[in-house]
PDB file of all heavy atoms in Angstrom:
ATOM      1  N   LEU A   1       0.822  -1.210   0.000  1.00  0.00           N
ATOM      2  CA  LEU A   1       0.000   0.000   0.000  1.00  0.00           C
ATOM      3  C   LEU A   1       0.856   1.259   0.000  1.00  0.00           C
ATOM      4  O   LEU A   1       0.530   2.253  -0.660  1.00  0.00           O
ATOM      5  CB  LEU A   1      -0.940  -0.009   1.202  1.00  0.00           C
ATOM      6  CG  LEU A   1      -2.024  -1.088   1.198  1.00  0.00           C
ATOM      7  CD1 LEU A   1      -2.787  -1.088   2.519  1.00  0.00           C
ATOM      8  CD2 LEU A   1      -2.989  -0.883   0.035  1.00  0.00           C
ATOM      9  N   THR A   2       1.953   1.223   0.741  1.00  0.00           N
ATOM     10  CA  THR A   2       2.865   2.371   0.747  1.00  0.00           C
ATOM     11  C   THR A   2       3.489   2.558  -0.626  1.00  0.00           C
ATOM     12  O   THR A   2       3.582   3.686  -1.141  1.00  0.00           O
ATOM     13  CB  THR A   2       3.963   2.180   1.804  1.00  0.00           C
ATOM     14  OG1 THR A   2       3.357   2.007   3.081  1.00  0.00           O
ATOM     15  CG2 THR A   2       4.883   3.386   1.847  1.00  0.00           C
ATOM     16  N   GLY A   3       3.914   1.450  -1.243  1.00  0.00           N
ATOM     17  CA  GLY A   3       4.526   1.537  -2.567  1.00  0.00           C
ATOM     18  C   GLY A   3       3.583   2.086  -3.609  1.00  0.00           C
ATOM     19  O   GLY A   3       3.975   2.876  -4.480  1.00  0.00           O
ATOM     20  N   GLY A   4       2.303   1.694  -3.546  1.00  0.00           N
ATOM     21  CA  GLY A   4       1.334   2.213  -4.495  1.00  0.00           C
ATOM     22  C   GLY A   4       1.148   3.712  -4.369  1.00  0.00           C
ATOM     23  O   GLY A   4       1.062   4.433  -5.370  1.00  0.00           O
ATOM     24  N   ALA A   5       1.098   4.212  -3.137  1.00  0.00           N
ATOM     25  CA  ALA A   5       0.956   5.659  -2.931  1.00  0.00           C
ATOM     26  C   ALA A   5       2.209   6.405  -3.364  1.00  0.00           C
ATOM     27  O   ALA A   5       2.137   7.507  -3.936  1.00  0.00           O
ATOM     28  CB  ALA A   5       0.644   5.944  -1.463  1.00  0.00           C
ATOM     29  N   MET A   6       3.384   5.809  -3.108  1.00  0.00           N
ATOM     30  CA  MET A   6       4.630   6.464  -3.499  1.00  0.00           C
ATOM     31  C   MET A   6       4.725   6.640  -5.003  1.00  0.00           C
ATOM     32  O   MET A   6       5.370   7.574  -5.490  1.00  0.00           O
ATOM     33  CB  MET A   6       5.825   5.670  -2.977  1.00  0.00           C
ATOM     34  CG  MET A   6       6.039   5.772  -1.471  1.00  0.00           C
ATOM     35  SD  MET A   6       6.330   7.466  -0.883  1.00  0.00           S
ATOM     36  CE  MET A   6       7.887   7.834  -1.698  1.00  0.00           C
ATOM     37  N   LEU A   7       4.104   5.740  -5.786  1.00  0.00           N
ATOM     38  CA  LEU A   7       4.105   5.911  -7.239  1.00  0.00           C
ATOM     39  C   LEU A   7       3.464   7.238  -7.624  1.00  0.00           C
ATOM     40  O   LEU A   7       3.952   7.938  -8.521  1.00  0.00           O
ATOM     41  CB  LEU A   7       3.374   4.749  -7.906  1.00  0.00           C
ATOM     42  CG  LEU A   7       4.086   3.399  -7.908  1.00  0.00           C
ATOM     43  CD1 LEU A   7       3.168   2.316  -8.443  1.00  0.00           C
ATOM     44  CD2 LEU A   7       5.365   3.467  -8.737  1.00  0.00           C
ATOM     45  N   PHE A   8       2.376   7.590  -6.971  1.00  0.00           N
ATOM     46  CA  PHE A   8       1.736   8.875  -7.257  1.00  0.00           C
ATOM     47  C   PHE A   8       2.589  10.040  -6.746  1.00  0.00           C
ATOM     48  O   PHE A   8       2.745  11.053  -7.440  1.00  0.00           O
ATOM     49  CB  PHE A   8       0.350   8.928  -6.617  1.00  0.00           C
ATOM     50  CG  PHE A   8      -0.684   8.111  -7.331  1.00  0.00           C
ATOM     51  CD1 PHE A   8      -1.175   6.949  -6.760  1.00  0.00           C
ATOM     52  CD2 PHE A   8      -1.158   8.499  -8.568  1.00  0.00           C
ATOM     53  CE1 PHE A   8      -2.134   6.187  -7.412  1.00  0.00           C
ATOM     54  CE2 PHE A   8      -2.119   7.747  -9.236  1.00  0.00           C
ATOM     55  CZ  PHE A   8      -2.605   6.582  -8.659  1.00  0.00           C
ATOM     56  N   ALA A   9       3.135   9.909  -5.539  1.00  0.00           N
ATOM     57  CA  ALA A   9       3.961  10.984  -4.983  1.00  0.00           C
ATOM     58  C   ALA A   9       5.178  11.233  -5.859  1.00  0.00           C
ATOM     59  O   ALA A   9       5.532  12.386  -6.148  1.00  0.00           O
ATOM     60  CB  ALA A   9       4.384  10.641  -3.562  1.00  0.00           C
ATOM     61  N   ASN A  10       5.820  10.156  -6.294  1.00  0.00           N
ATOM     62  CA  ASN A  10       7.003  10.295  -7.140  1.00  0.00           C
ATOM     63  C   ASN A  10       6.662  10.782  -8.543  1.00  0.00           C
ATOM     64  O   ASN A  10       7.544  11.236  -9.277  1.00  0.00           O
ATOM     65  CB  ASN A  10       7.749   8.963  -7.231  1.00  0.00           C
ATOM     66  CG  ASN A  10       8.410   8.580  -5.926  1.00  0.00           C
ATOM     67  OD1 ASN A  10       8.682   9.431  -5.074  1.00  0.00           O
ATOM     68  ND2 ASN A  10       8.648   7.291  -5.734  1.00  0.00           N
ATOM     69  N   SER A  11       5.392  10.687  -8.921  1.00  0.00           N
ATOM     70  CA  SER A  11       4.954  11.168 -10.230  1.00  0.00           C
ATOM     71  C   SER A  11       4.428  12.593 -10.164  1.00  0.00           C
ATOM     72  O   SER A  11       3.909  13.100 -11.151  1.00  0.00           O
ATOM     73  CB  SER A  11       3.871  10.239 -10.794  1.00  0.00           C
ATOM     74  OG  SER A  11       4.387   8.939 -11.007  1.00  0.00           O
ATOM     75  N   GLY A  12       4.545  13.233  -8.999  1.00  0.00           N
ATOM     76  CA  GLY A  12       4.245  14.657  -8.911  1.00  0.00           C
ATOM     77  C   GLY A  12       2.984  15.031  -8.179  1.00  0.00           C
ATOM     78  O   GLY A  12       2.658  16.223  -8.110  1.00  0.00           O
ATOM     79  N   ALA A  13       2.236  14.064  -7.625  1.00  0.00           N
ATOM     80  CA  ALA A  13       1.055  14.427  -6.838  1.00  0.00           C
ATOM     81  C   ALA A  13       1.472  15.289  -5.654  1.00  0.00           C
ATOM     82  O   ALA A  13       2.500  15.039  -5.018  1.00  0.00           O
ATOM     83  CB  ALA A  13       0.328  13.177  -6.351  1.00  0.00           C
ATOM     84  N   CYS A  14       0.676  16.305  -5.334  1.00  0.00           N
ATOM     85  CA  CYS A  14       1.024  17.205  -4.221  1.00  0.00           C
ATOM     86  C   CYS A  14       0.317  16.815  -2.935  1.00  0.00           C
ATOM     87  O   CYS A  14       0.487  17.486  -1.917  1.00  0.00           O
ATOM     88  CB  CYS A  14       0.711  18.657  -4.574  1.00  0.00           C
ATOM     89  SG  CYS A  14      -1.051  18.999  -4.842  1.00  0.00           S
ATOM     90  N   GLY A  15      -0.469  15.739  -2.988  1.00  0.00           N
ATOM     91  CA  GLY A  15      -1.137  15.317  -1.767  1.00  0.00           C
ATOM     92  C   GLY A  15      -2.061  14.149  -2.019  1.00  0.00           C
ATOM     93  O   GLY A  15      -2.198  13.650  -3.144  1.00  0.00           O
ATOM     94  N   PHE A  16      -2.720  13.720  -0.944  1.00  0.00           N
ATOM     95  CA  PHE A  16      -3.641  12.591  -1.002  1.00  0.00           C
ATOM     96  C   PHE A  16      -4.864  12.890  -0.150  1.00  0.00           C
ATOM     97  O   PHE A  16      -4.757  13.481   0.922  1.00  0.00           O
ATOM     98  CB  PHE A  16      -2.988  11.315  -0.468  1.00  0.00           C
ATOM     99  CG  PHE A  16      -1.861  10.799  -1.315  1.00  0.00           C
ATOM    100  CD1 PHE A  16      -0.554  11.206  -1.059  1.00  0.00           C
ATOM    101  CD2 PHE A  16      -2.099   9.915  -2.362  1.00  0.00           C
ATOM    102  CE1 PHE A  16       0.494  10.740  -1.833  1.00  0.00           C
ATOM    103  CE2 PHE A  16      -1.054   9.439  -3.140  1.00  0.00           C
ATOM    104  CZ  PHE A  16       0.245   9.846  -2.877  1.00  0.00           C
ATOM    105  N   ARG A  17      -6.025  12.449  -0.633  1.00  0.00           N
ATOM    106  CA  ARG A  17      -7.212  12.339   0.201  1.00  0.00           C
ATOM    107  C   ARG A  17      -7.319  10.856   0.528  1.00  0.00           C
ATOM    108  O   ARG A  17      -7.394  10.012  -0.360  1.00  0.00           O
ATOM    109  CB  ARG A  17      -8.437  12.835  -0.554  1.00  0.00           C
ATOM    110  CG  ARG A  17      -9.764  12.757   0.231  1.00  0.00           C
ATOM    111  CD  ARG A  17     -10.506  11.478  -0.078  1.00  0.00           C
ATOM    112  NE  ARG A  17     -11.886  11.495   0.414  1.00  0.00           N
ATOM    113  CZ  ARG A  17     -12.706  10.464   0.356  1.00  0.00           C
ATOM    114  NH1 ARG A  17     -12.296   9.317  -0.165  1.00  0.00           N
ATOM    115  NH2 ARG A  17     -13.927  10.561   0.811  1.00  0.00           N
ATOM    116  N   ILE A  18      -7.285  10.508   1.803  1.00  0.00           N
ATOM    117  CA  ILE A  18      -7.279   9.119   2.227  1.00  0.00           C
ATOM    118  C   ILE A  18      -8.693   8.703   2.612  1.00  0.00           C
ATOM    119  O   ILE A  18      -9.307   9.293   3.499  1.00  0.00           O
ATOM    120  CB  ILE A  18      -6.305   8.897   3.402  1.00  0.00           C
ATOM    121  CG1 ILE A  18      -4.897   9.397   3.038  1.00  0.00           C
ATOM    122  CG2 ILE A  18      -6.271   7.425   3.785  1.00  0.00           C
ATOM    123  CD1 ILE A  18      -4.262   8.696   1.852  1.00  0.00           C
ATOM    124  N   ASP A  19      -9.189   7.684   1.944  1.00  0.00           N
ATOM    125  CA  ASP A  19     -10.554   7.227   2.129  1.00  0.00           C
ATOM    126  C   ASP A  19     -10.701   6.433   3.428  1.00  0.00           C
ATOM    127  O   ASP A  19      -9.808   5.681   3.825  1.00  0.00           O
ATOM    128  CB  ASP A  19     -10.940   6.343   0.934  1.00  0.00           C
ATOM    129  CG  ASP A  19     -12.397   5.964   0.917  1.00  0.00           C
ATOM    130  OD1 ASP A  19     -13.237   6.874   0.876  1.00  0.00           O
ATOM    131  OD2 ASP A  19     -12.701   4.754   0.953  1.00  0.00           O
ATOM    132  N   ALA A  20     -11.839   6.609   4.090  1.00  0.00           N
ATOM    133  CA  ALA A  20     -12.275   5.746   5.199  1.00  0.00           C
ATOM    134  C   ALA A  20     -11.253   5.623   6.323  1.00  0.00           C
ATOM    135  O   ALA A  20     -11.007   4.535   6.833  1.00  0.00           O
ATOM    136  CB  ALA A  20     -12.624   4.355   4.655  1.00  0.00           C
ATOM    137  N   VAL A  21     -10.670   6.736   6.776  1.00  0.00           N
ATOM    138  CA  VAL A  21      -9.614   6.647   7.791  1.00  0.00           C
ATOM    139  C   VAL A  21     -10.132   6.133   9.129  1.00  0.00           C
ATOM    140  O   VAL A  21      -9.376   5.511   9.892  1.00  0.00           O
ATOM    141  CB  VAL A  21      -8.895   8.005   7.989  1.00  0.00           C
ATOM    142  CG1 VAL A  21      -8.168   8.424   6.733  1.00  0.00           C
ATOM    143  CG2 VAL A  21      -9.848   9.086   8.466  1.00  0.00           C
ATOM    144  N   LYS A  22     -11.403   6.345   9.453  1.00  0.00           N
ATOM    145  CA  LYS A  22     -11.907   5.897  10.752  1.00  0.00           C
ATOM    146  C   LYS A  22     -11.922   4.385  10.866  1.00  0.00           C
ATOM    147  O   LYS A  22     -12.036   3.842  11.972  1.00  0.00           O
ATOM    148  CB  LYS A  22     -13.295   6.471  11.024  1.00  0.00           C
ATOM    149  CG  LYS A  22     -14.434   5.811  10.261  1.00  0.00           C
ATOM    150  CD  LYS A  22     -15.777   6.498  10.514  1.00  0.00           C
ATOM    151  CE  LYS A  22     -16.310   6.259  11.899  1.00  0.00           C
ATOM    152  NZ  LYS A  22     -17.621   6.904  12.118  1.00  0.00           N
ATOM    153  N   HIS A  23     -11.788   3.687   9.749  1.00  0.00           N
ATOM    154  CA  HIS A  23     -11.813   2.227   9.753  1.00  0.00           C
ATOM    155  C   HIS A  23     -10.410   1.624   9.740  1.00  0.00           C
ATOM    156  O   HIS A  23     -10.262   0.415   9.562  1.00  0.00           O
ATOM    157  CB  HIS A  23     -12.631   1.726   8.574  1.00  0.00           C
ATOM    158  CG  HIS A  23     -14.040   2.231   8.585  1.00  0.00           C
ATOM    159  ND1 HIS A  23     -14.971   1.786   9.495  1.00  0.00           N
ATOM    160  CD2 HIS A  23     -14.651   3.194   7.851  1.00  0.00           C
ATOM    161  CE1 HIS A  23     -16.116   2.433   9.299  1.00  0.00           C
ATOM    162  NE2 HIS A  23     -15.947   3.293   8.315  1.00  0.00           N
ATOM    163  N   MET A  24      -9.394   2.462   9.898  1.00  0.00           N
ATOM    164  CA  MET A  24      -8.009   1.992   9.987  1.00  0.00           C
ATOM    165  C   MET A  24      -7.405   2.439  11.301  1.00  0.00           C
ATOM    166  O   MET A  24      -7.757   3.495  11.834  1.00  0.00           O
ATOM    167  CB  MET A  24      -7.183   2.528   8.806  1.00  0.00           C
ATOM    168  CG  MET A  24      -7.586   1.946   7.462  1.00  0.00           C
ATOM    169  SD  MET A  24      -6.659   2.660   6.082  1.00  0.00           S
ATOM    170  CE  MET A  24      -7.554   4.204   5.844  1.00  0.00           C
ATOM    171  N   GLU A  25      -6.466   1.660  11.806  1.00  0.00           N
ATOM    172  CA  GLU A  25      -5.764   2.025  13.037  1.00  0.00           C
ATOM    173  C   GLU A  25      -4.953   3.301  12.815  1.00  0.00           C
ATOM    174  O   GLU A  25      -4.183   3.401  11.846  1.00  0.00           O
ATOM    175  CB  GLU A  25      -4.842   0.898  13.483  1.00  0.00           C
ATOM    176  CG  GLU A  25      -5.574  -0.305  14.072  1.00  0.00           C
ATOM    177  CD  GLU A  25      -5.932  -0.109  15.539  1.00  0.00           C
ATOM    178  OE1 GLU A  25      -5.809   1.021  16.035  1.00  0.00           O
ATOM    179  OE2 GLU A  25      -6.319  -1.105  16.187  1.00  0.00           O
ATOM    180  N   LEU A  26      -5.127   4.271  13.709  1.00  0.00           N
ATOM    181  CA  LEU A  26      -4.395   5.528  13.595  1.00  0.00           C
ATOM    182  C   LEU A  26      -2.896   5.289  13.612  1.00  0.00           C
ATOM    183  O   LEU A  26      -2.142   5.953  12.889  1.00  0.00           O
ATOM    184  CB  LEU A  26      -4.802   6.468  14.730  1.00  0.00           C
ATOM    185  CG  LEU A  26      -4.145   7.844  14.745  1.00  0.00           C
ATOM    186  CD1 LEU A  26      -4.426   8.609  13.456  1.00  0.00           C
ATOM    187  CD2 LEU A  26      -4.614   8.646  15.961  1.00  0.00           C
ATOM    188  N   GLY A  27      -2.442   4.332  14.415  1.00  0.00           N
ATOM    189  CA  GLY A  27      -1.009   4.056  14.494  1.00  0.00           C
ATOM    190  C   GLY A  27      -0.423   3.622  13.173  1.00  0.00           C
ATOM    191  O   GLY A  27       0.726   3.972  12.846  1.00  0.00           O
ATOM    192  N   TRP A  28      -1.177   2.860  12.384  1.00  0.00           N
ATOM    193  CA  TRP A  28      -0.675   2.495  11.050  1.00  0.00           C
ATOM    194  C   TRP A  28      -0.666   3.705  10.131  1.00  0.00           C
ATOM    195  O   TRP A  28       0.295   3.929   9.385  1.00  0.00           O
ATOM    196  CB  TRP A  28      -1.518   1.381  10.419  1.00  0.00           C
ATOM    197  CG  TRP A  28      -0.969   1.052   9.055  1.00  0.00           C
ATOM    198  CD1 TRP A  28       0.135   0.297   8.779  1.00  0.00           C
ATOM    199  CD2 TRP A  28      -1.452   1.521   7.798  1.00  0.00           C
ATOM    200  NE1 TRP A  28       0.365   0.257   7.420  1.00  0.00           N
ATOM    201  CE2 TRP A  28      -0.603   1.003   6.791  1.00  0.00           C
ATOM    202  CE3 TRP A  28      -2.521   2.333   7.412  1.00  0.00           C
ATOM    203  CZ2 TRP A  28      -0.787   1.254   5.436  1.00  0.00           C
ATOM    204  CZ3 TRP A  28      -2.717   2.596   6.053  1.00  0.00           C
ATOM    205  CH2 TRP A  28      -1.863   2.066   5.085  1.00  0.00           C
TER     206      TRP A  28
END
């Protein structure tokens, strides 16, 4: 999952909207 997001970051994305954060552990 980290690698997939890094593909966008390395391709010039300036940010991310992260879906459904309340359903994931904050620590992760």
